[in-house]
Amino acid sequence: GSVSGLDVTHGTTIVAATFDGGVVMGGDRRATMGNVIAQRDIQK
């Protein structure tokens, strides 16, 4: 089936960086549905 991109929840920004001994990854907690905040504490 076809689903409009405005009808579903989207996760956004993920950042990763290497350091001396490993790598770190971080993600913000906001999920959006169009112009609406769908969730404020989503795990990404």
ModelCIF file with pLDDT and N, C-alpha, C, O atoms, coordinates in Angstrom:
data_MODEL
#
_entry.id   MODEL 
#
_entity.id                         1 
_entity.type                       polymer 
_entity.pdbx_number_of_molecules   1 
#
_entity_poly.entity_id                      1 
_entity_poly.type                           'polypeptide(L)' 
_entity_poly.nstd_linkage                   no 
_entity_poly.nstd_monomer                   no 
_entity_poly.pdbx_seq_one_letter_code       GSVSGLDVTHGTTIVAATFDGGVVMGGDRRATMGNVIAQRDIQK 
_entity_poly.pdbx_seq_one_letter_code_can   GSVSGLDVTHGTTIVAATFDGGVVMGGDRRATMGNVIAQRDIQK 
_entity_poly.pdbx_strand_id                 A 
#
loop_
_entity_poly_seq.entity_id 
_entity_poly_seq.num 
_entity_poly_seq.mon_id 
_entity_poly_seq.hetero 
1 1  GLY n 
1 2  SER n 
1 3  VAL n 
1 4  SER n 
1 5  GLY n 
1 6  LEU n 
1 7  ASP n 
1 8  VAL n 
1 9  THR n 
1 10 HIS n 
1 11 GLY n 
1 12 THR n 
1 13 THR n 
1 14 ILE n 
1 15 VAL n 
1 16 ALA n 
1 17 ALA n 
1 18 THR n 
1 19 PHE n 
1 20 ASP n 
1 21 GLY n 
1 22 GLY n 
1 23 VAL n 
1 24 VAL n 
1 25 MET n 
1 26 GLY n 
1 27 GLY n 
1 28 ASP n 
1 29 ARG n 
1 30 ARG n 
1 31 ALA n 
1 32 THR n 
1 33 MET n 
1 34 GLY n 
1 35 ASN n 
1 36 VAL n 
1 37 ILE n 
1 38 ALA n 
1 39 GLN n 
1 40 ARG n 
1 41 ASP n 
1 42 ILE n 
1 43 GLN n 
1 44 LYS n 
#
_struct_asym.id          A 
_struct_asym.entity_id   1 
#
loop_
_ma_qa_metric.id 
_ma_qa_metric.mode 
_ma_qa_metric.name 
_ma_qa_metric.software_group_id 
_ma_qa_metric.type 
1 global pLDDT . pLDDT 
2 local  pLDDT . pLDDT 
#
_ma_qa_metric_global.metric_id      1 
_ma_qa_metric_global.metric_value   86.11 
_ma_qa_metric_global.model_id       1 
_ma_qa_metric_global.ordinal_id     1 
#
loop_
_ma_qa_metric_local.label_asym_id 
_ma_qa_metric_local.label_comp_id 
_ma_qa_metric_local.label_seq_id 
_ma_qa_metric_local.metric_id 
_ma_qa_metric_local.metric_value 
_ma_qa_metric_local.model_id 
_ma_qa_metric_local.ordinal_id 
A GLY 1  2 49.00 1 1  
A SER 2  2 49.00 1 2  
A VAL 3  2 49.00 1 3  
A SER 4  2 49.00 1 4  
A GLY 5  2 47.00 1 5  
A LEU 6  2 50.00 1 6  
A ASP 7  2 66.00 1 7  
A VAL 8  2 80.00 1 8  
A THR 9  2 83.00 1 9  
A HIS 10 2 86.00 1 10 
A GLY 11 2 80.00 1 11 
A THR 12 2 86.00 1 12 
A THR 13 2 95.00 1 13 
A ILE 14 2 97.00 1 14 
A VAL 15 2 98.00 1 15 
A ALA 16 2 98.00 1 16 
A ALA 17 2 98.00 1 17 
A THR 18 2 97.00 1 18 
A PHE 19 2 97.00 1 19 
A ASP 20 2 94.00 1 20 
A GLY 21 2 95.00 1 21 
A GLY 22 2 97.00 1 22 
A VAL 23 2 98.00 1 23 
A VAL 24 2 98.00 1 24 
A MET 25 2 98.00 1 25 
A GLY 26 2 97.00 1 26 
A GLY 27 2 96.00 1 27 
A ASP 28 2 95.00 1 28 
A ARG 29 2 94.00 1 29 
A ARG 30 2 94.00 1 30 
A ALA 31 2 93.00 1 31 
A THR 32 2 91.00 1 32 
A MET 33 2 89.00 1 33 
A GLY 34 2 85.00 1 34 
A ASN 35 2 87.00 1 35 
A VAL 36 2 91.00 1 36 
A ILE 37 2 91.00 1 37 
A ALA 38 2 91.00 1 38 
A GLN 39 2 92.00 1 39 
A ARG 40 2 94.00 1 40 
A ASP 41 2 94.00 1 41 
A ILE 42 2 93.00 1 42 
A GLN 43 2 94.00 1 43 
A LYS 44 2 94.00 1 44 
#
loop_
_atom_site.group_PDB 
_atom_site.id 
_atom_site.type_symbol 
_atom_site.label_atom_id 
_atom_site.label_alt_id 
_atom_site.label_comp_id 
_atom_site.label_asym_id 
_atom_site.label_entity_id 
_atom_site.label_seq_id 
_atom_site.pdbx_PDB_ins_code 
_atom_site.Cartn_x 
_atom_site.Cartn_y 
_atom_site.Cartn_z 
_atom_site.occupancy 
_atom_site.B_iso_or_equiv 
_atom_site.pdbx_formal_charge 
_atom_site.auth_seq_id 
_atom_site.auth_comp_id 
_atom_site.auth_asym_id 
_atom_site.auth_atom_id 
_atom_site.pdbx_PDB_model_num 
ATOM 1   N N  . GLY A 1 1  ? 0.808  -1.201 0.000  1.00 49.00 ? 1  GLY A N  1 
ATOM 2   C CA . GLY A 1 1  ? 0.000  0.000  0.000  1.00 49.00 ? 1  GLY A CA 1 
ATOM 3   C C  . GLY A 1 1  ? 0.840  1.248  0.000  1.00 49.00 ? 1  GLY A C  1 
ATOM 4   O O  . GLY A 1 1  ? 2.052  1.197  0.211  1.00 49.00 ? 1  GLY A O  1 
ATOM 5   N N  . SER A 1 2  ? 0.198  2.365  -0.236 1.00 49.00 ? 2  SER A N  1 
ATOM 6   C CA . SER A 1 2  ? 0.884  3.652  -0.286 1.00 49.00 ? 2  SER A CA 1 
ATOM 7   C C  . SER A 1 2  ? 0.551  4.459  0.949  1.00 49.00 ? 2  SER A C  1 
ATOM 8   O O  . SER A 1 2  ? -0.608 4.553  1.354  1.00 49.00 ? 2  SER A O  1 
ATOM 9   N N  . VAL A 1 3  ? 1.586  5.044  1.548  1.00 49.00 ? 3  VAL A N  1 
ATOM 10  C CA . VAL A 1 3  ? 1.405  5.828  2.763  1.00 49.00 ? 3  VAL A CA 1 
ATOM 11  C C  . VAL A 1 3  ? 2.045  7.182  2.562  1.00 49.00 ? 3  VAL A C  1 
ATOM 12  O O  . VAL A 1 3  ? 3.188  7.270  2.112  1.00 49.00 ? 3  VAL A O  1 
ATOM 13  N N  . SER A 1 4  ? 1.332  8.225  2.887  1.00 49.00 ? 4  SER A N  1 
ATOM 14  C CA . SER A 1 4  ? 1.894  9.567  2.790  1.00 49.00 ? 4  SER A CA 1 
ATOM 15  C C  . SER A 1 4  ? 2.956  9.777  3.851  1.00 49.00 ? 4  SER A C  1 
ATOM 16  O O  . SER A 1 4  ? 2.819  9.296  4.975  1.00 49.00 ? 4  SER A O  1 
ATOM 17  N N  . GLY A 1 5  ? 4.016  10.494 3.499  1.00 47.00 ? 5  GLY A N  1 
ATOM 18  C CA . GLY A 1 5  ? 5.087  10.760 4.446  1.00 47.00 ? 5  GLY A CA 1 
ATOM 19  C C  . GLY A 1 5  ? 4.625  11.573 5.638  1.00 47.00 ? 5  GLY A C  1 
ATOM 20  O O  . GLY A 1 5  ? 5.309  11.601 6.661  1.00 47.00 ? 5  GLY A O  1 
ATOM 21  N N  . LEU A 1 6  ? 3.466  12.245 5.533  1.00 50.00 ? 6  LEU A N  1 
ATOM 22  C CA . LEU A 1 6  ? 2.973  13.047 6.643  1.00 50.00 ? 6  LEU A CA 1 
ATOM 23  C C  . LEU A 1 6  ? 2.187  12.221 7.649  1.00 50.00 ? 6  LEU A C  1 
ATOM 24  O O  . LEU A 1 6  ? 1.828  12.721 8.716  1.00 50.00 ? 6  LEU A O  1 
ATOM 25  N N  . ASP A 1 7  ? 1.913  10.958 7.320  1.00 66.00 ? 7  ASP A N  1 
ATOM 26  C CA . ASP A 1 7  ? 1.069  10.122 8.173  1.00 66.00 ? 7  ASP A CA 1 
ATOM 27  C C  . ASP A 1 7  ? 1.868  9.259  9.125  1.00 66.00 ? 7  ASP A C  1 
ATOM 28  O O  . ASP A 1 7  ? 1.276  8.536  9.927  1.00 66.00 ? 7  ASP A O  1 
ATOM 29  N N  . VAL A 1 8  ? 3.179  9.304  9.069  1.00 80.00 ? 8  VAL A N  1 
ATOM 30  C CA . VAL A 1 8  ? 4.002  8.411  9.872  1.00 80.00 ? 8  VAL A CA 1 
ATOM 31  C C  . VAL A 1 8  ? 5.001  9.213  10.694 1.00 80.00 ? 8  VAL A C  1 
ATOM 32  O O  . VAL A 1 8  ? 5.287  10.376 10.408 1.00 80.00 ? 8  VAL A O  1 
ATOM 33  N N  . THR A 1 9  ? 5.523  8.553  11.723 1.00 83.00 ? 9  THR A N  1 
ATOM 34  C CA . THR A 1 9  ? 6.483  9.179  12.612 1.00 83.00 ? 9  THR A CA 1 
ATOM 35  C C  . THR A 1 9  ? 7.893  9.052  12.044 1.00 83.00 ? 9  THR A C  1 
ATOM 36  O O  . THR A 1 9  ? 8.291  7.990  11.566 1.00 83.00 ? 9  THR A O  1 
ATOM 37  N N  . HIS A 1 10 ? 8.639  10.151 12.104 1.00 86.00 ? 10 HIS A N  1 
ATOM 38  C CA . HIS A 1 10 ? 10.006 10.160 11.601 1.00 86.00 ? 10 HIS A CA 1 
ATOM 39  C C  . HIS A 1 10 ? 10.990 10.484 12.722 1.00 86.00 ? 10 HIS A C  1 
ATOM 40  O O  . HIS A 1 10 ? 10.751 11.364 13.548 1.00 86.00 ? 10 HIS A O  1 
ATOM 41  N N  . GLY A 1 11 ? 12.104 9.746  12.727 1.00 80.00 ? 11 GLY A N  1 
ATOM 42  C CA . GLY A 1 11 ? 13.215 10.057 13.603 1.00 80.00 ? 11 GLY A CA 1 
ATOM 43  C C  . GLY A 1 11 ? 14.194 10.944 12.857 1.00 80.00 ? 11 GLY A C  1 
ATOM 44  O O  . GLY A 1 11 ? 14.257 10.918 11.628 1.00 80.00 ? 11 GLY A O  1 
ATOM 45  N N  . THR A 1 12 ? 14.958 11.727 13.603 1.00 86.00 ? 12 THR A N  1 
ATOM 46  C CA . THR A 1 12 ? 15.806 12.703 12.918 1.00 86.00 ? 12 THR A CA 1 
ATOM 47  C C  . THR A 1 12 ? 17.296 12.496 13.206 1.00 86.00 ? 12 THR A C  1 
ATOM 48  O O  . THR A 1 12 ? 17.853 11.479 12.794 1.00 86.00 ? 12 THR A O  1 
ATOM 49  N N  . THR A 1 13 ? 17.946 13.413 13.890 1.00 95.00 ? 13 THR A N  1 
ATOM 50  C CA . THR A 1 13 ? 19.393 13.529 13.795 1.00 95.00 ? 13 THR A CA 1 
ATOM 51  C C  . THR A 1 13 ? 20.181 12.540 14.658 1.00 95.00 ? 13 THR A C  1 
ATOM 52  O O  . THR A 1 13 ? 19.928 12.388 15.853 1.00 95.00 ? 13 THR A O  1 
ATOM 53  N N  . ILE A 1 14 ? 21.150 11.869 14.010 1.00 97.00 ? 14 ILE A N  1 
ATOM 54  C CA . ILE A 1 14 ? 22.089 10.958 14.665 1.00 97.00 ? 14 ILE A CA 1 
ATOM 55  C C  . ILE A 1 14 ? 23.499 11.433 14.343 1.00 97.00 ? 14 ILE A C  1 
ATOM 56  O O  . ILE A 1 14 ? 23.787 11.805 13.206 1.00 97.00 ? 14 ILE A O  1 
ATOM 57  N N  . VAL A 1 15 ? 24.379 11.421 15.340 1.00 98.00 ? 15 VAL A N  1 
ATOM 58  C CA . VAL A 1 15 ? 25.760 11.872 15.164 1.00 98.00 ? 15 VAL A CA 1 
ATOM 59  C C  . VAL A 1 15 ? 26.696 10.808 15.728 1.00 98.00 ? 15 VAL A C  1 
ATOM 60  O O  . VAL A 1 15 ? 26.413 10.219 16.772 1.00 98.00 ? 15 VAL A O  1 
ATOM 61  N N  . ALA A 1 16 ? 27.807 10.560 15.042 1.00 98.00 ? 16 ALA A N  1 
ATOM 62  C CA . ALA A 1 16 ? 28.827 9.644  15.538 1.00 98.00 ? 16 ALA A CA 1 
ATOM 63  C C  . ALA A 1 16 ? 30.202 10.239 15.287 1.00 98.00 ? 16 ALA A C  1 
ATOM 64  O O  . ALA A 1 16 ? 30.411 10.945 14.300 1.00 98.00 ? 16 ALA A O  1 
ATOM 65  N N  . ALA A 1 17 ? 31.147 9.950  16.190 1.00 98.00 ? 17 ALA A N  1 
ATOM 66  C CA . ALA A 1 17 ? 32.516 10.443 16.054 1.00 98.00 ? 17 ALA A CA 1 
ATOM 67  C C  . ALA A 1 17 ? 33.470 9.437  16.682 1.00 98.00 ? 17 ALA A C  1 
ATOM 68  O O  . ALA A 1 17 ? 33.189 8.871  17.738 1.00 98.00 ? 17 ALA A O  1 
ATOM 69  N N  . THR A 1 18 ? 34.597 9.224  16.020 1.00 97.00 ? 18 THR A N  1 
ATOM 70  C CA . THR A 1 18 ? 35.614 8.346  16.585 1.00 97.00 ? 18 THR A CA 1 
ATOM 71  C C  . THR A 1 18 ? 36.479 9.126  17.571 1.00 97.00 ? 18 THR A C  1 
ATOM 72  O O  . THR A 1 18 ? 36.590 10.349 17.489 1.00 97.00 ? 18 THR A O  1 
ATOM 73  N N  . PHE A 1 19 ? 37.087 8.401  18.500 1.00 97.00 ? 19 PHE A N  1 
ATOM 74  C CA . PHE A 1 19 ? 38.036 9.008  19.424 1.00 97.00 ? 19 PHE A CA 1 
ATOM 75  C C  . PHE A 1 19 ? 39.156 8.010  19.676 1.00 97.00 ? 19 PHE A C  1 
ATOM 76  O O  . PHE A 1 19 ? 39.114 6.883  19.182 1.00 97.00 ? 19 PHE A O  1 
ATOM 77  N N  . ASP A 1 20 ? 40.142 8.420  20.433 1.00 94.00 ? 20 ASP A N  1 
ATOM 78  C CA . ASP A 1 20 ? 41.292 7.567  20.684 1.00 94.00 ? 20 ASP A CA 1 
ATOM 79  C C  . ASP A 1 20 ? 40.895 6.414  21.595 1.00 94.00 ? 20 ASP A C  1 
ATOM 80  O O  . ASP A 1 20 ? 40.947 6.526  22.819 1.00 94.00 ? 20 ASP A O  1 
ATOM 81  N N  . GLY A 1 21 ? 40.500 5.310  20.983 1.00 95.00 ? 21 GLY A N  1 
ATOM 82  C CA . GLY A 1 21 ? 40.100 4.141  21.754 1.00 95.00 ? 21 GLY A CA 1 
ATOM 83  C C  . GLY A 1 21 ? 38.704 3.647  21.465 1.00 95.00 ? 21 GLY A C  1 
ATOM 84  O O  . GLY A 1 21 ? 38.274 2.659  22.060 1.00 95.00 ? 21 GLY A O  1 
ATOM 85  N N  . GLY A 1 22 ? 37.967 4.310  20.557 1.00 97.00 ? 22 GLY A N  1 
ATOM 86  C CA . GLY A 1 22 ? 36.627 3.830  20.263 1.00 97.00 ? 22 GLY A CA 1 
ATOM 87  C C  . GLY A 1 22 ? 35.822 4.790  19.429 1.00 97.00 ? 22 GLY A C  1 
ATOM 88  O O  . GLY A 1 22 ? 36.362 5.583  18.658 1.00 97.00 ? 22 GLY A O  1 
ATOM 89  N N  . VAL A 1 23 ? 34.522 4.704  19.597 1.00 98.00 ? 23 VAL A N  1 
ATOM 90  C CA . VAL A 1 23 ? 33.594 5.536  18.831 1.00 98.00 ? 23 VAL A CA 1 
ATOM 91  C C  . VAL A 1 23 ? 32.399 5.870  19.716 1.00 98.00 ? 23 VAL A C  1 
ATOM 92  O O  . VAL A 1 23 ? 31.968 5.050  20.527 1.00 98.00 ? 23 VAL A O  1 
ATOM 93  N N  . VAL A 1 24 ? 31.873 7.071  19.556 1.00 98.00 ? 24 VAL A N  1 
ATOM 94  C CA . VAL A 1 24 ? 30.699 7.500  20.307 1.00 98.00 ? 24 VAL A CA 1 
ATOM 95  C C  . VAL A 1 24 ? 29.576 7.830  19.331 1.00 98.00 ? 24 VAL A C  1 
ATOM 96  O O  . VAL A 1 24 ? 29.821 8.390  18.263 1.00 98.00 ? 24 VAL A O  1 
ATOM 97  N N  . MET A 1 25 ? 28.353 7.484  19.695 1.00 98.00 ? 25 MET A N  1 
ATOM 98  C CA . MET A 1 25 ? 27.179 7.814  18.886 1.00 98.00 ? 25 MET A CA 1 
ATOM 99  C C  . MET A 1 25 ? 26.132 8.462  19.775 1.00 98.00 ? 25 MET A C  1 
ATOM 100 O O  . MET A 1 25 ? 25.904 8.025  20.903 1.00 98.00 ? 25 MET A O  1 
ATOM 101 N N  . GLY A 1 26 ? 25.498 9.507  19.259 1.00 97.00 ? 26 GLY A N  1 
ATOM 102 C CA . GLY A 1 26 ? 24.446 10.185 20.000 1.00 97.00 ? 26 GLY A CA 1 
ATOM 103 C C  . GLY A 1 26 ? 23.266 10.484 19.114 1.00 97.00 ? 26 GLY A C  1 
ATOM 104 O O  . GLY A 1 26 ? 23.417 10.685 17.909 1.00 97.00 ? 26 GLY A O  1 
ATOM 105 N N  . GLY A 1 27 ? 22.097 10.514 19.702 1.00 96.00 ? 27 GLY A N  1 
ATOM 106 C CA . GLY A 1 27 ? 20.885 10.833 18.951 1.00 96.00 ? 27 GLY A CA 1 
ATOM 107 C C  . GLY A 1 27 ? 19.985 11.747 19.754 1.00 96.00 ? 27 GLY A C  1 
ATOM 108 O O  . GLY A 1 27 ? 19.877 11.613 20.973 1.00 96.00 ? 27 GLY A O  1 
ATOM 109 N N  . ASP A 1 28 ? 19.340 12.677 19.069 1.00 95.00 ? 28 ASP A N  1 
ATOM 110 C CA . ASP A 1 28 ? 18.362 13.512 19.763 1.00 95.00 ? 28 ASP A CA 1 
ATOM 111 C C  . ASP A 1 28 ? 17.136 12.662 20.086 1.00 95.00 ? 28 ASP A C  1 
ATOM 112 O O  . ASP A 1 28 ? 17.081 11.497 19.693 1.00 95.00 ? 28 ASP A O  1 
ATOM 113 N N  . ARG A 1 29 ? 16.155 13.218 20.790 1.00 94.00 ? 29 ARG A N  1 
ATOM 114 C CA . ARG A 1 29 ? 15.036 12.412 21.290 1.00 94.00 ? 29 ARG A CA 1 
ATOM 115 C C  . ARG A 1 29 ? 13.712 12.744 20.623 1.00 94.00 ? 29 ARG A C  1 
ATOM 116 O O  . ARG A 1 29 ? 12.690 12.161 20.984 1.00 94.00 ? 29 ARG A O  1 
ATOM 117 N N  . ARG A 1 30 ? 13.694 13.658 19.663 1.00 94.00 ? 30 ARG A N  1 
ATOM 118 C CA . ARG A 1 30 ? 12.441 14.105 19.079 1.00 94.00 ? 30 ARG A CA 1 
ATOM 119 C C  . ARG A 1 30 ? 12.045 13.261 17.873 1.00 94.00 ? 30 ARG A C  1 
ATOM 120 O O  . ARG A 1 30 ? 12.882 12.934 17.032 1.00 94.00 ? 30 ARG A O  1 
ATOM 121 N N  . ALA A 1 31 ? 10.764 12.913 17.795 1.00 93.00 ? 31 ALA A N  1 
ATOM 122 C CA . ALA A 1 31 ? 10.180 12.290 16.603 1.00 93.00 ? 31 ALA A CA 1 
ATOM 123 C C  . ALA A 1 31 ? 9.044  13.178 16.124 1.00 93.00 ? 31 ALA A C  1 
ATOM 124 O O  . ALA A 1 31 ? 8.269  13.697 16.928 1.00 93.00 ? 31 ALA A O  1 
ATOM 125 N N  . THR A 1 32 ? 8.947  13.351 14.814 1.00 91.00 ? 32 THR A N  1 
ATOM 126 C CA . THR A 1 32 ? 7.950  14.255 14.255 1.00 91.00 ? 32 THR A CA 1 
ATOM 127 C C  . THR A 1 32 ? 6.984  13.519 13.334 1.00 91.00 ? 32 THR A C  1 
ATOM 128 O O  . THR A 1 32 ? 7.296  12.460 12.789 1.00 91.00 ? 32 THR A O  1 
ATOM 129 N N  . MET A 1 33 ? 5.814  14.106 13.177 1.00 89.00 ? 33 MET A N  1 
ATOM 130 C CA . MET A 1 33 ? 4.812  13.631 12.232 1.00 89.00 ? 33 MET A CA 1 
ATOM 131 C C  . MET A 1 33 ? 4.326  14.868 11.477 1.00 89.00 ? 33 MET A C  1 
ATOM 132 O O  . MET A 1 33 ? 3.408  15.562 11.914 1.00 89.00 ? 33 MET A O  1 
ATOM 133 N N  . GLY A 1 34 ? 4.963  15.124 10.334 1.00 85.00 ? 34 GLY A N  1 
ATOM 134 C CA . GLY A 1 34 ? 4.703  16.371 9.643  1.00 85.00 ? 34 GLY A CA 1 
ATOM 135 C C  . GLY A 1 34 ? 5.275  17.510 10.464 1.00 85.00 ? 34 GLY A C  1 
ATOM 136 O O  . GLY A 1 34 ? 6.458  17.502 10.805 1.00 85.00 ? 34 GLY A O  1 
ATOM 137 N N  . ASN A 1 35 ? 4.437  18.495 10.784 1.00 87.00 ? 35 ASN A N  1 
ATOM 138 C CA . ASN A 1 35 ? 4.896  19.622 11.604 1.00 87.00 ? 35 ASN A CA 1 
ATOM 139 C C  . ASN A 1 35 ? 4.558  19.452 13.079 1.00 87.00 ? 35 ASN A C  1 
ATOM 140 O O  . ASN A 1 35 ? 4.644  20.403 13.855 1.00 87.00 ? 35 ASN A O  1 
ATOM 141 N N  . VAL A 1 36 ? 4.171  18.234 13.463 1.00 91.00 ? 36 VAL A N  1 
ATOM 142 C CA . VAL A 1 36 ? 3.772  17.958 14.846 1.00 91.00 ? 36 VAL A CA 1 
ATOM 143 C C  . VAL A 1 36 ? 4.856  17.133 15.536 1.00 91.00 ? 36 VAL A C  1 
ATOM 144 O O  . VAL A 1 36 ? 5.428  16.227 14.929 1.00 91.00 ? 36 VAL A O  1 
ATOM 145 N N  . ILE A 1 37 ? 5.141  17.444 16.798 1.00 91.00 ? 37 ILE A N  1 
ATOM 146 C CA . ILE A 1 37 ? 6.052  16.619 17.590 1.00 91.00 ? 37 ILE A CA 1 
ATOM 147 C C  . ILE A 1 37 ? 5.283  15.380 18.036 1.00 91.00 ? 37 ILE A C  1 
ATOM 148 O O  . ILE A 1 37 ? 4.370  15.471 18.857 1.00 91.00 ? 37 ILE A O  1 
ATOM 149 N N  . ALA A 1 38 ? 5.653  14.229 17.496 1.00 91.00 ? 38 ALA A N  1 
ATOM 150 C CA . ALA A 1 38 ? 4.951  12.988 17.808 1.00 91.00 ? 38 ALA A CA 1 
ATOM 151 C C  . ALA A 1 38 ? 5.417  12.389 19.122 1.00 91.00 ? 38 ALA A C  1 
ATOM 152 O O  . ALA A 1 38 ? 4.623  11.794 19.850 1.00 91.00 ? 38 ALA A O  1 
ATOM 153 N N  . GLN A 1 39 ? 6.699  12.541 19.433 1.00 92.00 ? 39 GLN A N  1 
ATOM 154 C CA . GLN A 1 39 ? 7.247  12.002 20.679 1.00 92.00 ? 39 GLN A CA 1 
ATOM 155 C C  . GLN A 1 39 ? 8.471  12.815 21.059 1.00 92.00 ? 39 GLN A C  1 
ATOM 156 O O  . GLN A 1 39 ? 9.256  13.205 20.195 1.00 92.00 ? 39 GLN A O  1 
ATOM 157 N N  . ARG A 1 40 ? 8.635  13.071 22.354 1.00 94.00 ? 40 ARG A N  1 
ATOM 158 C CA . ARG A 1 40 ? 9.748  13.902 22.811 1.00 94.00 ? 40 ARG A CA 1 
ATOM 159 C C  . ARG A 1 40 ? 10.923 13.093 23.352 1.00 94.00 ? 40 ARG A C  1 
ATOM 160 O O  . ARG A 1 40 ? 12.012 13.636 23.535 1.00 94.00 ? 40 ARG A O  1 
ATOM 161 N N  . ASP A 1 41 ? 10.717 11.806 23.609 1.00 94.00 ? 41 ASP A N  1 
ATOM 162 C CA . ASP A 1 41 ? 11.782 11.022 24.233 1.00 94.00 ? 41 ASP A CA 1 
ATOM 163 C C  . ASP A 1 41 ? 11.989 9.682  23.543 1.00 94.00 ? 41 ASP A C  1 
ATOM 164 O O  . ASP A 1 41 ? 12.225 8.674  24.209 1.00 94.00 ? 41 ASP A O  1 
ATOM 165 N N  . ILE A 1 42 ? 11.903 9.659  22.215 1.00 93.00 ? 42 ILE A N  1 
ATOM 166 C CA . ILE A 1 42 ? 12.063 8.430  21.473 1.00 93.00 ? 42 ILE A CA 1 
ATOM 167 C C  . ILE A 1 42 ? 13.510 7.945  21.553 1.00 93.00 ? 42 ILE A C  1 
ATOM 168 O O  . ILE A 1 42 ? 14.436 8.751  21.639 1.00 93.00 ? 42 ILE A O  1 
ATOM 169 N N  . GLN A 1 43 ? 13.695 6.648  21.526 1.00 94.00 ? 43 GLN A N  1 
ATOM 170 C CA . GLN A 1 43 ? 15.039 6.065  21.490 1.00 94.00 ? 43 GLN A CA 1 
ATOM 171 C C  . GLN A 1 43 ? 15.455 5.878  20.037 1.00 94.00 ? 43 GLN A C  1 
ATOM 172 O O  . GLN A 1 43 ? 14.737 5.249  19.259 1.00 94.00 ? 43 GLN A O  1 
ATOM 173 N N  . LYS A 1 44 ? 16.606 6.418  19.671 1.00 94.00 ? 44 LYS A N  1 
ATOM 174 C CA . LYS A 1 44 ? 17.085 6.329  18.288 1.00 94.00 ? 44 LYS A CA 1 
ATOM 175 C C  . LYS A 1 44 ? 18.419 5.609  18.158 1.00 94.00 ? 44 LYS A C  1 
ATOM 176 O O  . LYS A 1 44 ? 18.937 5.463  17.051 1.00 94.00 ? 44 LYS A O  1 
#
